[in-house]
Amino acid sequence: VKFTLTGAAQDEEVLQYAEEMPRFPGCEQFSDSDERSKCVINKLYEFVYSTIQYPEVDKNSRVEGTCVAQFTIKEDGSISDIKVLRAPSDGMREEVMRMMKLMSELPDKWIPGRHEGKPVAVRYTLPVKFVIKDESQPEVAKDINQTRSGMDQNTLKIVPNPATEEIKVEVPENTSSIQVYNSSGQGVFSLKVSDQNKHDEII
């Protein structure tokens, strides 16, 4: 039995995960899901890479790092509730918010997520890494694997690969947490490292 106040606003249920995750527009010509997912990631980071600008103050100070934006993709594909959960500087935070505002104003909306056969609102996480590659032109990392690693591949080892039940992550000293993202850019797992001098964690 459901009791409802007439005219009262209903809280929108926002899922962390859906059977079909939301997709950045422009890849509906692919019927194969793997090809479409690859296209979606490339299109999304192509937009990020072509839109965002390195803050001048951070460029001069050679500040680098990863911003993590979070937003909701609603049932109609529109974007709402934009936040920057983490940013190395205020300038980078403002730039990611500017980029997200432009994304929300695109004429082509996202393809909404679907769960149990119907469109649903889904919370989406987007990491954006600012990297100064040389003295002449700083840029934002557009390779999603590079963006999400957060550290050089030489300092991070994951075994076995592929894995079925568990993995061992070897990390540098003073690592405080491990975060795992799926191929849609959504955070699916987070682990606090209890002993920061420890060199491996089992997930």
Protein backbone atom coordinates (compact mmCIF):
# COMPACT_ATOMS: atom_id res chain seq x y z
CA VAL A 1 0.00 0.00 0.00
CA LYS A 2 1.56 3.27 -1.12
CA PHE A 3 0.58 6.58 0.51
CA THR A 4 1.25 9.70 -1.59
CA LEU A 5 0.69 13.38 -0.83
CA THR A 6 -0.99 15.01 -3.82
CA GLY A 7 1.38 17.46 -5.49
CA ALA A 8 4.37 16.37 -3.41
CA ALA A 9 7.65 16.05 -5.34
CA GLN A 10 8.81 12.48 -5.77
CA ASP A 11 12.46 11.69 -5.12
CA GLU A 12 14.05 10.27 -8.25
CA GLU A 13 15.65 6.90 -7.71
CA VAL A 14 19.22 7.03 -9.00
CA LEU A 15 20.95 3.71 -9.60
CA GLN A 16 24.67 3.08 -9.19
CA TYR A 17 24.51 0.29 -11.77
CA ALA A 18 22.03 -0.69 -14.49
CA GLU A 19 21.76 -3.69 -16.80
CA GLU A 20 22.46 -1.31 -19.69
CA MET A 21 24.64 1.60 -18.63
CA PRO A 22 24.14 5.09 -20.13
CA ARG A 23 26.10 5.81 -23.31
CA PHE A 24 27.61 8.98 -24.71
CA PRO A 25 25.86 9.72 -28.05
CA GLY A 26 27.28 9.01 -31.49
CA CYS A 27 27.85 5.25 -31.57
CA GLU A 28 24.43 3.76 -32.21
CA GLN A 29 25.54 2.51 -35.65
CA PHE A 30 27.40 -0.36 -33.96
CA SER A 31 25.32 -3.47 -33.23
CA ASP A 32 28.19 -5.31 -31.52
CA SER A 33 28.26 -4.28 -27.85
CA ASP A 34 32.07 -4.42 -27.55
CA GLU A 35 32.59 -2.22 -30.61
CA ARG A 36 29.92 0.18 -29.40
CA SER A 37 31.46 0.40 -25.91
CA LYS A 38 34.88 1.17 -27.40
CA CYS A 39 33.35 3.83 -29.65
CA VAL A 40 31.48 5.38 -26.69
CA ILE A 41 34.63 5.69 -24.60
CA ASN A 42 36.55 7.21 -27.52
CA LYS A 43 33.76 9.68 -28.31
CA LEU A 44 33.42 10.69 -24.65
CA TYR A 45 37.12 11.35 -24.15
CA GLU A 46 37.36 13.01 -27.56
CA PHE A 47 34.79 15.53 -26.31
CA VAL A 48 36.62 15.96 -22.98
CA TYR A 49 40.01 16.31 -24.68
CA SER A 50 38.80 18.85 -27.24
CA THR A 51 36.84 20.94 -24.74
CA ILE A 52 38.85 21.19 -21.57
CA GLN A 53 41.72 23.64 -21.17
CA TYR A 54 44.63 23.44 -18.77
CA PRO A 55 44.27 26.21 -16.13
CA GLU A 56 47.02 28.77 -16.70
CA VAL A 57 48.04 28.95 -13.04
CA ASP A 58 48.37 25.17 -12.80
CA LYS A 59 50.24 25.01 -16.10
CA ASN A 60 52.79 27.57 -14.92
CA SER A 61 53.13 25.83 -11.55
CA ARG A 62 53.28 22.43 -13.28
CA VAL A 63 50.44 21.04 -11.19
CA GLU A 64 49.19 17.66 -12.47
CA GLY A 65 46.60 15.21 -11.23
CA THR A 66 43.22 13.57 -11.71
CA CYS A 67 39.82 15.17 -11.23
CA VAL A 68 36.83 12.92 -10.60
CA ALA A 69 33.49 14.25 -11.84
CA GLN A 70 30.21 12.66 -10.85
CA PHE A 71 26.81 13.33 -12.40
CA THR A 72 23.41 11.76 -12.99
CA ILE A 73 22.16 10.76 -16.43
CA LYS A 74 18.38 10.90 -16.19
CA GLU A 75 15.75 8.74 -17.89
CA ASP A 76 15.57 11.16 -20.84
CA GLY A 77 19.37 11.27 -21.30
CA SER A 78 19.82 14.74 -19.77
CA ILE A 79 22.56 15.46 -17.22
CA SER A 80 21.93 16.71 -13.69
CA ASP A 81 23.51 16.87 -10.23
CA ILE A 82 27.04 17.59 -11.50
CA LYS A 83 29.79 17.46 -8.85
CA VAL A 84 33.58 17.28 -8.80
CA LEU A 85 34.40 14.81 -6.05
CA ARG A 86 38.15 15.32 -6.18
CA ALA A 87 40.48 17.84 -7.83
CA PRO A 88 44.17 18.71 -7.40
CA SER A 89 43.36 22.44 -7.56
CA ASP A 90 40.48 24.91 -7.60
CA GLY A 91 41.33 25.83 -11.19
CA MET A 92 41.04 22.23 -12.36
CA ARG A 93 37.78 21.83 -10.45
CA GLU A 94 36.33 24.91 -12.17
CA GLU A 95 37.53 23.74 -15.59
CA VAL A 96 35.95 20.31 -15.20
CA MET A 97 32.69 21.94 -14.10
CA ARG A 98 32.83 24.20 -17.18
CA MET A 99 33.39 21.18 -19.42
CA MET A 100 30.53 19.28 -17.79
CA LYS A 101 28.19 22.26 -18.27
CA LEU A 102 29.01 22.27 -22.00
CA MET A 103 28.41 18.52 -22.13
CA SER A 104 24.99 18.98 -20.53
CA GLU A 105 24.11 21.54 -23.24
CA LEU A 106 24.96 19.29 -26.20
CA PRO A 107 22.02 18.95 -28.62
CA ASP A 108 22.41 15.15 -28.66
CA LYS A 109 21.61 13.75 -25.23
CA TRP A 110 23.13 10.63 -23.70
CA ILE A 111 21.47 7.29 -24.40
CA PRO A 112 19.87 6.62 -20.99
CA GLY A 113 20.58 3.52 -18.96
CA ARG A 114 17.99 0.75 -18.88
CA HIS A 115 17.12 -1.63 -16.07
CA GLU A 116 14.50 -4.37 -16.23
CA GLY A 117 13.49 -3.11 -19.65
CA LYS A 118 12.84 0.55 -18.83
CA PRO A 119 14.92 3.79 -18.80
CA VAL A 120 16.40 4.67 -15.41
CA ALA A 121 18.49 7.44 -13.88
CA VAL A 122 22.10 6.33 -13.31
CA ARG A 123 24.94 7.99 -11.44
CA TYR A 124 28.09 8.18 -13.60
CA THR A 125 31.72 8.81 -12.60
CA LEU A 126 34.19 10.36 -15.03
CA PRO A 127 37.92 10.63 -14.21
CA VAL A 128 39.82 13.38 -16.05
CA LYS A 129 43.60 13.42 -15.79
CA PHE A 130 45.60 16.61 -16.35
CA VAL A 131 49.11 15.83 -17.62
CA ILE A 132 51.92 18.10 -18.75
CA LYS A 133 53.69 16.08 -21.42
CA ASP A 134 56.27 18.66 -22.47
CA GLU A 135 57.16 22.31 -22.03
CA SER A 136 55.27 23.44 -25.11
CA GLN A 137 51.79 21.98 -24.69
CA PRO A 138 50.13 20.51 -21.61
CA GLU A 139 47.21 18.25 -22.36
CA VAL A 140 44.53 16.14 -20.77
CA ALA A 141 45.10 12.40 -21.00
CA LYS A 142 42.54 11.02 -23.43
CA ASP A 143 43.49 7.37 -23.15
CA ILE A 144 41.05 5.91 -20.63
CA ASN A 145 43.52 3.34 -19.33
CA GLN A 146 46.08 6.05 -18.66
CA THR A 147 43.40 8.25 -17.10
CA ARG A 148 42.26 5.67 -14.63
CA SER A 149 45.58 4.23 -13.59
CA GLY A 150 46.52 7.26 -11.50
CA MET A 151 50.12 6.09 -11.42
CA ASP A 152 52.82 4.79 -13.71
CA GLN A 153 52.37 1.20 -14.82
CA ASN A 154 55.81 0.35 -13.48
CA THR A 155 54.65 1.00 -9.92
CA LEU A 156 51.43 -1.03 -10.05
CA LYS A 157 51.19 -4.79 -10.54
CA ILE A 158 48.02 -6.89 -10.66
CA VAL A 159 48.17 -10.71 -10.65
CA PRO A 160 46.81 -13.00 -11.94
CA ASN A 161 45.61 -11.56 -15.22
CA PRO A 162 43.07 -12.71 -16.26
CA ALA A 163 41.54 -13.59 -12.90
CA THR A 164 38.41 -15.50 -11.88
CA GLU A 165 37.86 -14.97 -8.15
CA GLU A 166 40.51 -12.66 -6.71
CA ILE A 167 43.47 -10.49 -7.64
CA LYS A 168 46.54 -9.34 -5.74
CA VAL A 169 47.38 -5.67 -6.23
CA GLU A 170 50.97 -4.71 -5.47
CA VAL A 171 51.11 -1.02 -4.66
CA PRO A 172 53.74 1.51 -3.58
CA GLU A 173 54.20 2.50 0.04
CA ASN A 174 51.86 5.14 1.50
CA THR A 175 48.96 4.12 -0.75
CA SER A 176 45.81 4.96 1.22
CA SER A 177 43.11 3.47 -1.01
CA ILE A 178 42.40 1.44 -4.15
CA GLN A 179 39.50 2.31 -6.47
CA VAL A 180 38.19 0.18 -9.33
CA TYR A 181 36.19 1.56 -12.29
CA ASN A 182 34.24 -0.35 -14.89
CA SER A 183 34.46 0.27 -18.63
CA SER A 184 31.72 2.91 -18.42
CA GLY A 185 33.74 5.05 -16.03
CA GLN A 186 31.66 4.14 -12.98
CA GLY A 187 33.28 3.45 -9.62
CA VAL A 188 32.36 -0.12 -8.65
CA PHE A 189 34.74 -0.89 -5.78
CA SER A 190 36.76 0.99 -3.19
CA LEU A 191 39.18 -0.39 -0.61
CA LYS A 192 41.05 1.43 2.16
CA VAL A 193 44.58 0.16 2.66
CA SER A 194 44.80 -0.56 6.37
CA ASP A 195 48.59 -0.57 6.58
CA GLN A 196 50.07 2.11 4.32
CA ASN A 197 53.50 0.45 4.46
CA LYS A 198 52.02 -2.75 3.13
CA HIS A 199 52.92 -3.61 -0.47
CA ASP A 200 49.97 -5.74 -1.56
CA GLU A 201 46.22 -6.11 -1.12
CA ILE A 202 43.91 -8.98 -2.05
CA ILE A 203 40.65 -8.03 -3.81
